[in-house]
């Protein structure tokens, strides 16, 4: 998978799994999306959220910081990070 549409599909799937509290599947999809599109702040933000819910605080903080560094004025990113 290497296209934006692939990243979008992985992001959507990961976010849906996250909402269903299926953390293992969510983390897998979101990590895949991040690998495909490392420049997308919203993916980093969702991965940070999933990592936080999985009690992986250090990794969550790294992803949150990456999301902010990628796009500091994105309302969606800021909303996701809380």
PDB file of N, CA and C in Angstrom:
ATOM      1  N   UNK A   1       0.841  -1.180   0.000  1.00  0.00           N
ATOM      2  CA  UNK A   1       0.000   0.000   0.000  1.00  0.00           C
ATOM      3  C   UNK A   1       0.886   1.243   0.000  1.00  0.00           C
ATOM      4  N   UNK A   2       0.667   2.107  -0.948  1.00  0.00           N
ATOM      5  CA  UNK A   2       1.528   3.279  -1.006  1.00  0.00           C
ATOM      6  C   UNK A   2       0.816   4.560  -1.397  1.00  0.00           C
ATOM      7  N   UNK A   3      -0.456   4.540  -1.636  1.00  0.00           N
ATOM      8  CA  UNK A   3      -1.135   5.750  -2.097  1.00  0.00           C
ATOM      9  C   UNK A   3      -1.915   6.435  -0.976  1.00  0.00           C
ATOM     10  N   UNK A   4      -2.318   7.676  -1.279  1.00  0.00           N
ATOM     11  CA  UNK A   4      -3.144   8.407  -0.316  1.00  0.00           C
ATOM     12  C   UNK A   4      -4.451   7.688  -0.048  1.00  0.00           C
ATOM     13  N   UNK A   5      -5.028   7.074  -1.072  1.00  0.00           N
ATOM     14  CA  UNK A   5      -6.288   6.355  -0.848  1.00  0.00           C
ATOM     15  C   UNK A   5      -6.063   5.150   0.061  1.00  0.00           C
ATOM     16  N   UNK A   6      -4.895   4.526  -0.031  1.00  0.00           N
ATOM     17  CA  UNK A   6      -4.576   3.427   0.879  1.00  0.00           C
ATOM     18  C   UNK A   6      -4.465   3.947   2.314  1.00  0.00           C
ATOM     19  N   UNK A   7      -3.792   5.068   2.470  1.00  0.00           N
ATOM     20  CA  UNK A   7      -3.662   5.663   3.797  1.00  0.00           C
ATOM     21  C   UNK A   7      -5.031   6.047   4.348  1.00  0.00           C
ATOM     22  N   UNK A   8      -5.883   6.602   3.493  1.00  0.00           N
ATOM     23  CA  UNK A   8      -7.236   6.973   3.923  1.00  0.00           C
ATOM     24  C   UNK A   8      -8.019   5.747   4.378  1.00  0.00           C
ATOM     25  N   UNK A   9      -7.917   4.655   3.622  1.00  0.00           N
ATOM     26  CA  UNK A   9      -8.632   3.431   3.980  1.00  0.00           C
ATOM     27  C   UNK A   9      -8.125   2.879   5.311  1.00  0.00           C
ATOM     28  N   UNK A  10      -6.813   2.878   5.496  1.00  0.00           N
ATOM     29  CA  UNK A  10      -6.246   2.404   6.762  1.00  0.00           C
ATOM     30  C   UNK A  10      -6.645   3.309   7.919  1.00  0.00           C
ATOM     31  N   UNK A  11      -6.639   4.621   7.697  1.00  0.00           N
ATOM     32  CA  UNK A  11      -7.047   5.568   8.727  1.00  0.00           C
ATOM     33  C   UNK A  11      -8.504   5.346   9.118  1.00  0.00           C
ATOM     34  N   UNK A  12      -9.362   5.213   8.135  1.00  0.00           N
ATOM     35  CA  UNK A  12     -10.787   4.989   8.399  1.00  0.00           C
ATOM     36  C   UNK A  12     -10.995   3.702   9.178  1.00  0.00           C
ATOM     37  N   UNK A  13     -10.358   2.634   8.726  1.00  0.00           N
ATOM     38  CA  UNK A  13     -10.486   1.350   9.402  1.00  0.00           C
ATOM     39  C   UNK A  13      -9.943   1.417  10.824  1.00  0.00           C
ATOM     40  N   UNK A  14      -8.777   2.025  10.986  1.00  0.00           N
ATOM     41  CA  UNK A  14      -8.177   2.142  12.309  1.00  0.00           C
ATOM     42  C   UNK A  14      -9.026   2.969  13.253  1.00  0.00           C
ATOM     43  N   UNK A  15      -9.584   4.060  12.744  1.00  0.00           N
ATOM     44  CA  UNK A  15     -10.432   4.921  13.570  1.00  0.00           C
ATOM     45  C   UNK A  15     -11.711   4.197  13.980  1.00  0.00           C
ATOM     46  N   UNK A  16     -12.300   3.437  13.055  1.00  0.00           N
ATOM     47  CA  UNK A  16     -13.497   2.666  13.388  1.00  0.00           C
ATOM     48  C   UNK A  16     -13.193   1.624  14.455  1.00  0.00           C
ATOM     49  N   UNK A  17     -12.077   0.935  14.309  1.00  0.00           N
ATOM     50  CA  UNK A  17     -11.690  -0.060  15.316  1.00  0.00           C
ATOM     51  C   UNK A  17     -11.425   0.612  16.664  1.00  0.00           C
ATOM     52  N   UNK A  18     -10.823   1.767  16.632  1.00  0.00           N
ATOM     53  CA  UNK A  18     -10.564   2.513  17.860  1.00  0.00           C
ATOM     54  C   UNK A  18     -11.869   2.874  18.552  1.00  0.00           C
ATOM     55  N   UNK A  19     -12.846   3.336  17.792  1.00  0.00           N
ATOM     56  CA  UNK A  19     -14.152   3.687  18.364  1.00  0.00           C
ATOM     57  C   UNK A  19     -14.843   2.472  18.965  1.00  0.00           C
ATOM     58  N   UNK A  20     -14.545   1.290  18.436  1.00  0.00           N
ATOM     59  CA  UNK A  20     -15.109   0.041  18.956  1.00  0.00           C
ATOM     60  C   UNK A  20     -14.244  -0.545  20.074  1.00  0.00           C
ATOM     61  N   UNK A  21     -13.197   0.194  20.451  1.00  0.00           N
ATOM     62  CA  UNK A  21     -12.246  -0.198  21.497  1.00  0.00           C
ATOM     63  C   UNK A  21     -11.525  -1.510  21.168  1.00  0.00           C
ATOM     64  N   UNK A  22     -11.322  -1.759  19.892  1.00  0.00           N
ATOM     65  CA  UNK A  22     -10.520  -2.892  19.443  1.00  0.00           C
ATOM     66  C   UNK A  22      -9.101  -2.361  19.212  1.00  0.00           C
ATOM     67  N   UNK A  23      -8.393  -2.183  20.313  1.00  0.00           N
ATOM     68  CA  UNK A  23      -7.133  -1.455  20.286  1.00  0.00           C
ATOM     69  C   UNK A  23      -6.053  -2.139  19.457  1.00  0.00           C
ATOM     70  N   UNK A  24      -5.970  -3.451  19.520  1.00  0.00           N
ATOM     71  CA  UNK A  24      -4.944  -4.157  18.747  1.00  0.00           C
ATOM     72  C   UNK A  24      -5.085  -3.912  17.259  1.00  0.00           C
ATOM     73  N   UNK A  25      -6.293  -4.094  16.755  1.00  0.00           N
ATOM     74  CA  UNK A  25      -6.545  -3.861  15.336  1.00  0.00           C
ATOM     75  C   UNK A  25      -6.379  -2.404  14.952  1.00  0.00           C
ATOM     76  N   UNK A  26      -6.831  -1.519  15.835  1.00  0.00           N
ATOM     77  CA  UNK A  26      -6.700  -0.080  15.573  1.00  0.00           C
ATOM     78  C   UNK A  26      -5.231   0.325  15.478  1.00  0.00           C
ATOM     79  N   UNK A  27      -4.430  -0.149  16.412  1.00  0.00           N
ATOM     80  CA  UNK A  27      -3.009   0.186  16.395  1.00  0.00           C
ATOM     81  C   UNK A  27      -2.336  -0.343  15.133  1.00  0.00           C
ATOM     82  N   UNK A  28      -2.676  -1.544  14.741  1.00  0.00           N
ATOM     83  CA  UNK A  28      -2.086  -2.107  13.519  1.00  0.00           C
ATOM     84  C   UNK A  28      -2.415  -1.247  12.312  1.00  0.00           C
ATOM     85  N   UNK A  29      -3.699  -0.927  12.124  1.00  0.00           N
ATOM     86  CA  UNK A  29      -4.114  -0.135  10.957  1.00  0.00           C
ATOM     87  C   UNK A  29      -3.510   1.261  10.976  1.00  0.00           C
ATOM     88  N   UNK A  30      -3.532   1.890  12.145  1.00  0.00           N
ATOM     89  CA  UNK A  30      -3.011   3.255  12.238  1.00  0.00           C
ATOM     90  C   UNK A  30      -1.497   3.302  12.054  1.00  0.00           C
ATOM     91  N   UNK A  31      -0.798   2.297  12.527  1.00  0.00           N
ATOM     92  CA  UNK A  31       0.650   2.232  12.277  1.00  0.00           C
ATOM     93  C   UNK A  31       0.931   2.031  10.789  1.00  0.00           C
ATOM     94  N   UNK A  32       0.114   1.210  10.142  1.00  0.00           N
ATOM     95  CA  UNK A  32       0.264   1.013   8.699  1.00  0.00           C
ATOM     96  C   UNK A  32       0.001   2.324   7.962  1.00  0.00           C
ATOM     97  N   UNK A  33      -1.045   3.025   8.357  1.00  0.00           N
ATOM     98  CA  UNK A  33      -1.368   4.310   7.724  1.00  0.00           C
ATOM     99  C   UNK A  33      -0.232   5.299   7.925  1.00  0.00           C
ATOM    100  N   UNK A  34       0.342   5.326   9.112  1.00  0.00           N
ATOM    101  CA  UNK A  34       1.444   6.237   9.412  1.00  0.00           C
ATOM    102  C   UNK A  34       2.658   5.914   8.547  1.00  0.00           C
ATOM    103  N   UNK A  35       2.911   4.622   8.319  1.00  0.00           N
ATOM    104  CA  UNK A  35       4.039   4.219   7.475  1.00  0.00           C
ATOM    105  C   UNK A  35       3.815   4.626   6.020  1.00  0.00           C
ATOM    106  N   UNK A  36       2.569   4.540   5.564  1.00  0.00           N
ATOM    107  CA  UNK A  36       2.229   4.899   4.190  1.00  0.00           C
ATOM    108  C   UNK A  36       2.264   6.405   3.984  1.00  0.00           C
ATOM    109  N   UNK A  37       1.808   7.159   4.983  1.00  0.00           N
ATOM    110  CA  UNK A  37       1.690   8.613   4.847  1.00  0.00           C
ATOM    111  C   UNK A  37       2.231   9.305   6.104  1.00  0.00           C
ATOM    112  N   UNK A  38       3.540   9.272   6.302  1.00  0.00           N
ATOM    113  CA  UNK A  38       4.115   9.829   7.535  1.00  0.00           C
ATOM    114  C   UNK A  38       3.959  11.339   7.667  1.00  0.00           C
ATOM    115  N   UNK A  39       3.596  12.014   6.601  1.00  0.00           N
ATOM    116  CA  UNK A  39       3.445  13.471   6.615  1.00  0.00           C
ATOM    117  C   UNK A  39       2.048  13.922   7.029  1.00  0.00           C
ATOM    118  N   UNK A  40       1.143  13.003   7.272  1.00  0.00           N
ATOM    119  CA  UNK A  40      -0.247  13.366   7.590  1.00  0.00           C
ATOM    120  C   UNK A  40      -0.463  13.456   9.091  1.00  0.00           C
ATOM    121  N   UNK A  41      -0.683  14.680   9.554  1.00  0.00           N
ATOM    122  CA  UNK A  41      -0.837  14.945  10.981  1.00  0.00           C
ATOM    123  C   UNK A  41      -2.026  14.216  11.581  1.00  0.00           C
ATOM    124  N   UNK A  42      -3.112  14.113  10.853  1.00  0.00           N
ATOM    125  CA  UNK A  42      -4.312  13.478  11.402  1.00  0.00           C
ATOM    126  C   UNK A  42      -4.061  12.007  11.712  1.00  0.00           C
ATOM    127  N   UNK A  43      -3.235  11.357  10.920  1.00  0.00           N
ATOM    128  CA  UNK A  43      -2.908   9.957  11.191  1.00  0.00           C
ATOM    129  C   UNK A  43      -2.066   9.860  12.455  1.00  0.00           C
ATOM    130  N   UNK A  44      -1.070  10.714  12.576  1.00  0.00           N
ATOM    131  CA  UNK A  44      -0.250  10.719  13.789  1.00  0.00           C
ATOM    132  C   UNK A  44      -1.106  10.997  15.022  1.00  0.00           C
ATOM    133  N   UNK A  45      -2.065  11.898  14.894  1.00  0.00           N
ATOM    134  CA  UNK A  45      -2.942  12.237  16.014  1.00  0.00           C
ATOM    135  C   UNK A  45      -3.819  11.054  16.418  1.00  0.00           C
ATOM    136  N   UNK A  46      -4.375  10.371  15.445  1.00  0.00           N
ATOM    137  CA  UNK A  46      -5.205   9.201  15.761  1.00  0.00           C
ATOM    138  C   UNK A  46      -4.371   8.083  16.366  1.00  0.00           C
ATOM    139  N   UNK A  47      -3.154   7.922  15.857  1.00  0.00           N
ATOM    140  CA  UNK A  47      -2.260   6.915  16.432  1.00  0.00           C
ATOM    141  C   UNK A  47      -1.912   7.293  17.872  1.00  0.00           C
ATOM    142  N   UNK A  48      -1.681   8.564  18.133  1.00  0.00           N
ATOM    143  CA  UNK A  48      -1.412   9.017  19.495  1.00  0.00           C
ATOM    144  C   UNK A  48      -2.588   8.695  20.407  1.00  0.00           C
ATOM    145  N   UNK A  49      -3.776   8.933  19.923  1.00  0.00           N
ATOM    146  CA  UNK A  49      -4.984   8.640  20.708  1.00  0.00           C
ATOM    147  C   UNK A  49      -5.078   7.151  21.033  1.00  0.00           C
ATOM    148  N   UNK A  50      -4.840   6.311  20.022  1.00  0.00           N
ATOM    149  CA  UNK A  50      -4.899   4.860  20.221  1.00  0.00           C
ATOM    150  C   UNK A  50      -3.822   4.399  21.194  1.00  0.00           C
ATOM    151  N   UNK A  51      -2.626   4.915  21.052  1.00  0.00           N
ATOM    152  CA  UNK A  51      -1.536   4.547  21.952  1.00  0.00           C
ATOM    153  C   UNK A  51      -1.840   4.959  23.385  1.00  0.00           C
ATOM    154  N   UNK A  52      -2.440   6.116  23.556  1.00  0.00           N
ATOM    155  CA  UNK A  52      -2.811   6.575  24.888  1.00  0.00           C
ATOM    156  C   UNK A  52      -3.836   5.636  25.520  1.00  0.00           C
ATOM    157  N   UNK A  53      -4.835   5.257  24.738  1.00  0.00           N
ATOM    158  CA  UNK A  53      -5.850   4.332  25.249  1.00  0.00           C
ATOM    159  C   UNK A  53      -5.260   2.967  25.584  1.00  0.00           C
ATOM    160  N   UNK A  54      -4.191   2.610  24.881  1.00  0.00           N
ATOM    161  CA  UNK A  54      -3.515   1.332  25.128  1.00  0.00           C
ATOM    162  C   UNK A  54      -2.472   1.453  26.247  1.00  0.00           C
ATOM    163  N   UNK A  55      -2.462   2.597  26.931  1.00  0.00           N
ATOM    164  CA  UNK A  55      -1.545   2.850  28.044  1.00  0.00           C
ATOM    165  C   UNK A  55      -0.078   2.877  27.614  1.00  0.00           C
ATOM    166  N   UNK A  56       0.168   3.208  26.352  1.00  0.00           N
ATOM    167  CA  UNK A  56       1.537   3.355  25.843  1.00  0.00           C
ATOM    168  C   UNK A  56       1.853   4.852  25.793  1.00  0.00           C
ATOM    169  N   UNK A  57       2.004   5.427  26.969  1.00  0.00           N
ATOM    170  CA  UNK A  57       2.063   6.881  27.118  1.00  0.00           C
ATOM    171  C   UNK A  57       3.253   7.528  26.411  1.00  0.00           C
ATOM    172  N   UNK A  58       4.441   6.951  26.516  1.00  0.00           N
ATOM    173  CA  UNK A  58       5.614   7.558  25.880  1.00  0.00           C
ATOM    174  C   UNK A  58       5.454   7.585  24.367  1.00  0.00           C
ATOM    175  N   UNK A  59       4.990   6.494  23.798  1.00  0.00           N
ATOM    176  CA  UNK A  59       4.774   6.433  22.349  1.00  0.00           C
ATOM    177  C   UNK A  59       3.651   7.382  21.941  1.00  0.00           C
ATOM    178  N   UNK A  60       2.622   7.476  22.772  1.00  0.00           N
ATOM    179  CA  UNK A  60       1.518   8.394  22.486  1.00  0.00           C
ATOM    180  C   UNK A  60       2.009   9.834  22.453  1.00  0.00           C
ATOM    181  N   UNK A  61       2.841  10.186  23.402  1.00  0.00           N
ATOM    182  CA  UNK A  61       3.380  11.543  23.448  1.00  0.00           C
ATOM    183  C   UNK A  61       4.235  11.843  22.224  1.00  0.00           C
ATOM    184  N   UNK A  62       5.054  10.893  21.796  1.00  0.00           N
ATOM    185  CA  UNK A  62       5.874  11.087  20.592  1.00  0.00           C
ATOM    186  C   UNK A  62       5.001  11.330  19.364  1.00  0.00           C
ATOM    187  N   UNK A  63       3.932  10.553  19.215  1.00  0.00           N
ATOM    188  CA  UNK A  63       3.047  10.718  18.059  1.00  0.00           C
ATOM    189  C   UNK A  63       2.279  12.038  18.138  1.00  0.00           C
ATOM    190  N   UNK A  64       1.861  12.423  19.337  1.00  0.00           N
ATOM    191  CA  UNK A  64       1.161  13.704  19.504  1.00  0.00           C
ATOM    192  C   UNK A  64       2.079  14.859  19.127  1.00  0.00           C
ATOM    193  N   UNK A  65       3.320  14.791  19.573  1.00  0.00           N
ATOM    194  CA  UNK A  65       4.285  15.839  19.232  1.00  0.00           C
ATOM    195  C   UNK A  65       4.547  15.862  17.724  1.00  0.00           C
ATOM    196  N   UNK A  66       4.616  14.686  17.117  1.00  0.00           N
ATOM    197  CA  UNK A  66       4.818  14.617  15.668  1.00  0.00           C
ATOM    198  C   UNK A  66       3.631  15.228  14.937  1.00  0.00           C
ATOM    199  N   UNK A  67       2.424  14.938  15.395  1.00  0.00           N
ATOM    200  CA  UNK A  67       1.222  15.489  14.763  1.00  0.00           C
ATOM    201  C   UNK A  67       1.237  17.008  14.816  1.00  0.00           C
ATOM    202  N   UNK A  68       1.588  17.546  15.970  1.00  0.00           N
ATOM    203  CA  UNK A  68       1.635  19.004  16.113  1.00  0.00           C
ATOM    204  C   UNK A  68       2.739  19.621  15.260  1.00  0.00           C
ATOM    205  N   UNK A  69       3.866  18.938  15.168  1.00  0.00           N
ATOM    206  CA  UNK A  69       4.963  19.445  14.348  1.00  0.00           C
ATOM    207  C   UNK A  69       4.594  19.447  12.868  1.00  0.00           C
ATOM    208  N   UNK A  70       3.794  18.475  12.465  1.00  0.00           N
ATOM    209  CA  UNK A  70       3.391  18.381  11.059  1.00  0.00           C
ATOM    210  C   UNK A  70       2.382  19.448  10.680  1.00  0.00           C
ATOM    211  N   UNK A  71       1.482  19.774  11.603  1.00  0.00           N
ATOM    212  CA  UNK A  71       0.408  20.709  11.258  1.00  0.00           C
ATOM    213  C   UNK A  71      -0.125  21.355  12.519  1.00  0.00           C
ATOM    214  N   UNK A  72       0.484  22.431  12.926  1.00  0.00           N
ATOM    215  CA  UNK A  72       0.156  23.043  14.215  1.00  0.00           C
ATOM    216  C   UNK A  72      -1.199  23.736  14.261  1.00  0.00           C
ATOM    217  N   UNK A  73      -1.758  24.075  13.103  1.00  0.00           N
ATOM    218  CA  UNK A  73      -3.019  24.823  13.119  1.00  0.00           C
ATOM    219  C   UNK A  73      -4.197  24.027  12.561  1.00  0.00           C
ATOM    220  N   UNK A  74      -4.087  22.720  12.549  1.00  0.00           N
ATOM    221  CA  UNK A  74      -5.176  21.874  12.069  1.00  0.00           C
ATOM    222  C   UNK A  74      -6.210  21.667  13.171  1.00  0.00           C
ATOM    223  N   UNK A  75      -7.413  22.129  12.927  1.00  0.00           N
ATOM    224  CA  UNK A  75      -8.485  21.966  13.916  1.00  0.00           C
ATOM    225  C   UNK A  75      -8.754  20.489  14.193  1.00  0.00           C
ATOM    226  N   UNK A  76      -8.724  19.648  13.160  1.00  0.00           N
ATOM    227  CA  UNK A  76      -8.983  18.225  13.341  1.00  0.00           C
ATOM    228  C   UNK A  76      -7.892  17.587  14.203  1.00  0.00           C
ATOM    229  N   UNK A  77      -6.649  17.925  13.929  1.00  0.00           N
ATOM    230  CA  UNK A  77      -5.550  17.382  14.724  1.00  0.00           C
ATOM    231  C   UNK A  77      -5.663  17.830  16.166  1.00  0.00           C
ATOM    232  N   UNK A  78      -5.897  19.106  16.383  1.00  0.00           N
ATOM    233  CA  UNK A  78      -6.017  19.622  17.741  1.00  0.00           C
ATOM    234  C   UNK A  78      -7.209  19.010  18.466  1.00  0.00           C
ATOM    235  N   UNK A  79      -8.325  18.818  17.775  1.00  0.00           N
ATOM    236  CA  UNK A  79      -9.496  18.206  18.386  1.00  0.00           C
ATOM    237  C   UNK A  79      -9.211  16.749  18.760  1.00  0.00           C
ATOM    238  N   UNK A  80      -8.522  16.026  17.890  1.00  0.00           N
ATOM    239  CA  UNK A  80      -8.194  14.635  18.158  1.00  0.00           C
ATOM    240  C   UNK A  80      -7.298  14.506  19.371  1.00  0.00           C
ATOM    241  N   UNK A  81      -6.343  15.406  19.471  1.00  0.00           N
ATOM    242  CA  UNK A  81      -5.405  15.352  20.590  1.00  0.00           C
ATOM    243  C   UNK A  81      -6.014  15.864  21.895  1.00  0.00           C
ATOM    244  N   UNK A  82      -7.113  16.592  21.772  1.00  0.00           N
ATOM    245  CA  UNK A  82      -7.802  17.090  22.952  1.00  0.00           C
ATOM    246  C   UNK A  82      -7.137  18.304  23.476  1.00  0.00           C
TER     247      UNK A  82
END
